[in-house]
Protein backbone atom coordinates (compact mmCIF):
# COMPACT_ATOMS: atom_id res chain seq x y z
CA MET A 1 29.75 -7.27 56.81
CA GLU A 2 29.44 -8.40 60.39
CA ASN A 3 29.16 -12.11 60.98
CA LEU A 4 25.71 -11.85 62.55
CA VAL A 5 24.07 -9.49 60.09
CA MET A 6 21.41 -10.85 57.73
CA GLU A 7 23.22 -12.27 54.70
CA THR A 8 22.51 -11.29 51.13
CA PRO A 9 20.87 -13.79 48.74
CA GLU A 10 24.04 -13.93 46.66
CA GLN A 11 25.91 -15.74 49.41
CA THR A 12 25.86 -19.51 49.08
CA VAL A 13 24.35 -21.62 51.81
CA LEU A 14 27.68 -23.23 52.58
CA GLU A 15 29.27 -19.81 52.99
CA ARG A 16 26.48 -18.83 55.36
CA LEU A 17 26.88 -21.99 57.37
CA GLU A 18 30.59 -21.47 57.73
CA GLN A 19 30.46 -17.71 58.29
CA GLY A 20 31.90 -16.85 61.65
CA THR A 21 32.71 -20.45 62.55
CA ALA A 22 36.12 -20.90 60.94
CA PRO A 23 38.94 -21.83 63.32
CA PRO A 24 41.67 -19.25 63.87
CA ARG A 25 44.44 -19.14 61.28
CA GLU A 26 47.79 -20.63 62.17
CA GLY A 27 49.54 -18.36 64.61
CA GLU A 28 46.32 -16.71 65.77
CA LEU A 29 44.97 -17.27 69.27
CA PRO A 30 41.26 -17.93 69.84
CA PRO A 31 39.38 -15.42 71.99
CA THR A 32 39.61 -15.99 75.73
CA HIS A 33 35.86 -15.55 76.19
CA THR A 34 33.09 -16.58 73.82
CA PHE A 35 30.41 -14.63 75.70
CA GLU A 36 30.72 -11.39 77.61
CA VAL A 37 27.51 -10.65 79.52
CA LYS A 38 27.28 -7.24 81.17
CA ASN A 39 24.50 -6.02 83.49
CA MET A 40 21.90 -8.39 82.02
CA SER A 41 18.37 -8.14 83.40
CA ILE A 42 15.36 -9.97 81.94
CA TRP A 43 11.66 -9.47 82.59
CA TYR A 44 8.65 -11.64 81.77
CA GLY A 45 5.98 -8.99 81.85
CA GLU A 46 6.39 -7.30 85.23
CA LYS A 47 8.39 -10.16 86.76
CA ARG A 48 12.18 -9.82 86.79
CA ALA A 49 13.72 -13.25 86.13
CA ILE A 50 17.38 -12.17 85.82
CA ASP A 51 18.78 -9.35 87.94
CA ASN A 52 21.87 -7.46 86.73
CA VAL A 53 24.10 -10.44 85.83
CA THR A 54 27.65 -9.87 84.61
CA ILE A 55 29.71 -12.90 83.58
CA ASP A 56 32.29 -13.97 80.97
CA ILE A 57 31.98 -17.47 79.46
CA ALA A 58 35.32 -19.07 78.60
CA THR A 59 36.04 -20.44 75.13
CA ASN A 60 36.49 -24.22 74.68
CA ALA A 61 35.39 -24.93 78.21
CA VAL A 62 32.30 -26.25 79.96
CA THR A 63 30.47 -23.77 82.17
CA ALA A 64 27.81 -25.22 84.47
CA ILE A 65 24.91 -23.12 85.70
CA ILE A 66 23.58 -24.37 89.05
CA GLY A 67 20.93 -23.21 91.50
CA PRO A 68 17.50 -24.15 92.86
CA SER A 69 14.40 -24.35 90.67
CA GLY A 70 13.08 -20.99 89.56
CA CYS A 71 16.34 -19.14 90.06
CA GLY A 72 16.72 -18.06 86.41
CA LYS A 73 19.14 -20.70 85.11
CA SER A 74 17.18 -21.62 81.99
CA THR A 75 16.21 -18.00 81.29
CA PHE A 76 19.88 -17.01 81.36
CA LEU A 77 20.79 -19.92 79.07
CA ARG A 78 18.06 -19.08 76.55
CA ALA A 79 19.14 -15.43 76.49
CA LEU A 80 22.50 -16.53 75.08
CA ASN A 81 20.84 -17.40 71.77
CA ARG A 82 17.76 -15.17 72.04
CA MET A 83 15.35 -18.08 72.49
CA HIS A 84 13.78 -16.36 75.50
CA GLU A 85 12.31 -13.89 72.99
CA LEU A 86 9.91 -16.61 71.87
CA THR A 87 8.04 -16.06 75.16
CA PRO A 88 5.57 -13.13 74.96
CA ARG A 89 6.20 -9.89 76.87
CA THR A 90 9.88 -10.60 77.41
CA ARG A 91 12.32 -7.71 77.80
CA LEU A 92 16.10 -7.67 78.20
CA GLU A 93 18.40 -4.91 79.37
CA GLY A 94 22.19 -5.03 79.31
CA THR A 95 24.71 -6.38 76.82
CA VAL A 96 25.46 -9.87 75.49
CA LEU A 97 28.52 -10.11 73.27
CA LEU A 98 29.33 -13.21 71.21
CA SER A 99 32.95 -13.08 70.06
CA GLY A 100 32.80 -9.32 70.53
CA LYS A 101 29.54 -8.81 68.57
CA ASP A 102 26.40 -7.51 70.27
CA LEU A 103 23.75 -10.23 69.92
CA TYR A 104 20.97 -7.75 70.61
CA SER A 105 21.97 -5.10 68.09
CA SER A 106 19.08 -3.98 65.89
CA ASN A 107 20.76 -5.30 62.73
CA ILE A 108 21.24 -8.84 64.06
CA ASP A 109 19.05 -11.66 62.75
CA PRO A 110 17.98 -13.94 65.65
CA ALA A 111 17.85 -16.93 63.29
CA ILE A 112 21.57 -16.58 62.61
CA VAL A 113 22.27 -16.25 66.33
CA ARG A 114 20.42 -19.50 67.00
CA ARG A 115 22.39 -21.27 64.29
CA ARG A 116 25.70 -20.13 65.74
CA VAL A 117 24.57 -20.93 69.28
CA GLY A 118 22.85 -24.33 69.24
CA MET A 119 20.53 -25.62 71.95
CA VAL A 120 19.98 -29.11 73.36
CA PHE A 121 16.87 -29.35 75.52
CA GLN A 122 16.03 -31.23 78.69
CA LYS A 123 13.71 -33.63 76.89
CA SER A 124 15.03 -35.15 73.69
CA ASN A 125 12.91 -33.95 70.78
CA PRO A 126 13.61 -35.86 67.56
CA PHE A 127 11.08 -35.06 64.87
CA PRO A 128 8.65 -38.02 64.99
CA THR A 129 7.87 -38.11 61.28
CA MET A 130 11.53 -38.14 60.23
CA THR A 131 14.10 -40.90 60.02
CA ILE A 132 17.30 -40.89 62.04
CA GLY A 133 19.21 -39.52 59.06
CA GLU A 134 16.60 -36.88 58.25
CA ASN A 135 16.62 -35.69 61.85
CA VAL A 136 20.33 -34.96 61.70
CA VAL A 137 20.40 -32.98 58.44
CA ILE A 138 17.10 -31.12 58.73
CA GLY A 139 18.85 -27.91 59.78
CA LEU A 140 21.05 -28.03 56.69
CA ARG A 141 18.06 -28.68 54.44
CA LEU A 142 16.14 -25.78 55.95
CA ASN A 143 19.16 -23.61 55.12
CA GLY A 144 18.89 -24.66 51.47
CA VAL A 145 21.57 -27.34 51.26
CA ARG A 146 20.67 -29.89 48.57
CA ASP A 147 24.05 -31.47 47.73
CA ARG A 148 23.50 -35.13 48.64
CA LYS A 149 27.20 -35.92 48.99
CA PHE A 150 27.70 -33.00 51.35
CA LEU A 151 24.63 -33.97 53.38
CA ASN A 152 25.79 -37.57 53.69
CA GLU A 153 29.26 -36.47 54.78
CA ARG A 154 27.85 -34.09 57.38
CA LEU A 155 25.41 -36.78 58.54
CA GLU A 156 28.18 -39.27 59.27
CA LYS A 157 30.50 -36.66 60.77
CA SER A 158 27.80 -35.36 63.13
CA LEU A 159 26.74 -38.83 64.27
CA ARG A 160 30.37 -39.77 64.88
CA MET A 161 30.93 -36.62 66.91
CA ALA A 162 27.81 -37.48 68.93
CA ALA A 163 29.19 -40.99 69.53
CA LEU A 164 26.16 -42.51 67.80
CA TRP A 165 27.33 -43.54 64.33
CA ASP A 166 28.32 -47.12 65.17
CA GLU A 167 24.98 -47.70 66.88
CA VAL A 168 22.74 -46.40 64.07
CA LYS A 169 24.70 -46.55 60.80
CA ASP A 170 22.65 -49.53 59.58
CA ASP A 171 19.33 -48.06 60.74
CA LEU A 172 19.40 -44.52 59.34
CA HIS A 173 16.07 -45.14 57.60
CA LYS A 174 14.27 -45.93 60.88
CA PRO A 175 12.30 -43.26 62.79
CA GLY A 176 14.32 -41.16 65.20
CA THR A 177 11.79 -42.03 67.89
CA SER A 178 12.71 -45.72 67.59
CA LEU A 179 15.92 -45.03 69.53
CA SER A 180 16.32 -45.29 73.29
CA GLY A 181 16.09 -42.15 75.41
CA GLY A 182 19.85 -41.74 75.65
CA GLN A 183 20.29 -42.36 71.94
CA GLN A 184 17.57 -39.82 71.13
CA GLN A 185 19.40 -37.20 73.18
CA ARG A 186 22.63 -37.92 71.32
CA LEU A 187 20.67 -37.74 68.05
CA CYS A 188 19.52 -34.25 69.05
CA ILE A 189 23.13 -33.33 69.82
CA ALA A 190 24.13 -34.60 66.36
CA ARG A 191 21.38 -32.45 64.83
CA THR A 192 22.81 -29.43 66.64
CA LEU A 193 26.35 -30.26 65.51
CA ALA A 194 25.36 -30.70 61.86
CA VAL A 195 25.09 -26.94 61.24
CA GLU A 196 28.48 -26.41 62.90
CA PRO A 197 27.64 -23.93 65.65
CA GLU A 198 30.26 -22.17 67.74
CA VAL A 199 28.49 -22.78 71.03
CA ILE A 200 26.31 -25.56 72.43
CA LEU A 201 23.80 -24.73 75.15
CA MET A 202 22.41 -27.65 77.14
CA ASP A 203 19.39 -27.34 79.43
CA GLU A 204 19.60 -30.29 81.84
CA PRO A 205 20.42 -32.74 79.02
CA CYS A 206 20.65 -35.78 81.33
CA SER A 207 17.76 -35.21 83.73
CA ALA A 208 15.51 -37.81 82.05
CA LEU A 209 18.25 -40.40 81.40
CA ASP A 210 19.41 -43.50 83.24
CA PRO A 211 22.96 -43.62 84.71
CA ILE A 212 24.48 -45.44 81.71
CA ALA A 213 23.05 -42.96 79.19
CA THR A 214 24.04 -40.08 81.46
CA ALA A 215 27.64 -41.30 81.54
CA LYS A 216 27.73 -41.38 77.73
CA ILE A 217 26.41 -37.82 77.46
CA GLU A 218 28.91 -36.61 80.06
CA GLU A 219 31.78 -38.26 78.18
CA LEU A 220 30.53 -36.68 74.97
CA ILE A 221 30.42 -33.22 76.58
CA TYR A 222 34.01 -33.64 77.73
CA GLU A 223 35.11 -34.53 74.19
CA LEU A 224 33.13 -31.77 72.48
CA LYS A 225 34.66 -28.93 74.49
CA ALA A 226 37.87 -29.32 72.47
CA LYS A 227 35.97 -27.75 69.56
CA TYR A 228 32.99 -25.99 71.16
CA THR A 229 32.16 -23.68 74.00
CA ILE A 230 29.54 -25.44 76.13
CA VAL A 231 27.16 -23.93 78.68
CA THR A 232 24.98 -26.38 80.58
CA VAL A 233 22.27 -26.08 83.20
CA THR A 234 22.15 -28.88 85.76
CA HIS A 235 20.49 -29.67 89.09
CA ASN A 236 23.01 -32.46 89.66
CA MET A 237 25.88 -31.19 91.80
CA GLN A 238 27.96 -34.30 91.16
CA GLN A 239 27.51 -33.89 87.43
CA ALA A 240 28.56 -30.24 87.55
CA GLY A 241 31.68 -31.29 89.44
CA ARG A 242 32.48 -34.01 86.90
CA ILE A 243 31.99 -32.21 83.61
CA SER A 244 32.52 -28.47 84.10
CA ASP A 245 35.55 -26.23 84.14
CA TYR A 246 33.64 -23.27 85.57
CA THR A 247 30.50 -23.07 87.68
CA ALA A 248 28.03 -20.21 88.16
CA PHE A 249 25.61 -20.32 91.10
CA PHE A 250 22.32 -18.47 90.57
CA TYR A 251 19.77 -17.65 93.26
CA LEU A 252 16.57 -15.62 92.85
CA GLY A 253 17.70 -14.36 89.46
CA ARG A 254 21.06 -13.13 90.70
CA LEU A 255 24.54 -14.50 90.05
CA ILE A 256 25.81 -15.22 93.55
CA GLU A 257 29.20 -16.69 92.70
CA PHE A 258 31.20 -17.70 89.65
CA GLY A 259 34.63 -19.29 89.30
CA PRO A 260 36.59 -22.46 88.56
CA THR A 261 34.53 -25.49 89.49
CA THR A 262 37.17 -26.85 91.84
CA LYS A 263 37.09 -23.63 93.87
CA ILE A 264 33.31 -23.31 93.89
CA PHE A 265 32.92 -26.86 95.21
CA THR A 266 35.83 -26.94 97.65
CA ASN A 267 36.24 -23.36 98.83
CA PRO A 268 33.28 -21.14 97.88
CA SER A 269 33.54 -17.48 98.78
CA ASP A 270 29.85 -16.96 99.51
CA ARG A 271 27.93 -18.62 102.34
CA GLN A 272 24.87 -19.08 100.12
CA THR A 273 26.94 -21.04 97.63
CA GLU A 274 28.28 -23.29 100.37
CA ASP A 275 24.80 -23.85 101.79
CA TYR A 276 23.43 -24.84 98.38
CA ILE A 277 26.29 -27.15 97.46
CA THR A 278 26.18 -28.89 100.82
CA GLY A 279 22.43 -29.42 100.56
CA ARG A 280 21.27 -27.01 103.28
CA PHE A 281 18.69 -25.62 100.86
CA GLY A 282 17.50 -26.06 97.27
């Protein structure tokens, strides 16, 4: 059975959570690219938001998506876990492969895609009626996990990976909304990590944060790429230069240029890329 196909009831929840996420066996090499996007176009009704984009997203690396407002950055990001489908009258053409599997095949369950490809949004969104601890493990509970020991272990592991455990370990019973803005964003990252995705998508995760909180999120992103493939949208050119290994520049729904971040920022091949990075427009 393919990793993304709807699982049978006989499979345990833990098997489902781990399906497709196991690290390579000793001696095996991980895939070079987590995503292979070929000739992707996306429409909202009659409006084309993405125009014939082809790009490969490297495994265990940070890829930054840059470009002016309205250029299709967030639409592209959301298409990587099929969240754009939640918008009415949306249509996609082309191919999106995740570890070689077609995400848009008719036998693929979007819910499983979104579990394997987690999303962190621009505005932190802890559930207001839940405690800090409940916010982290809600995804596991919704998948049927009831083992308290397992939940507690995953809770601590996820908060540690989000660099938040030491700050909240004595306050897990308090509301998630009682945390500062930067802490809430890290709480949302911990919630994403709890279900052990393969990929983390981030849509301007630092845009609403102060410089200190931003620095903590950037440090966290750098640490997480050792285990996860990360794709992030940002308007902050300096941030893209600091945290990313690869950068893709979008303009009017088209991919103008893509390559190693150092090359994009120091020696871009396209004049439009240079003009955007140097602040001539956007």
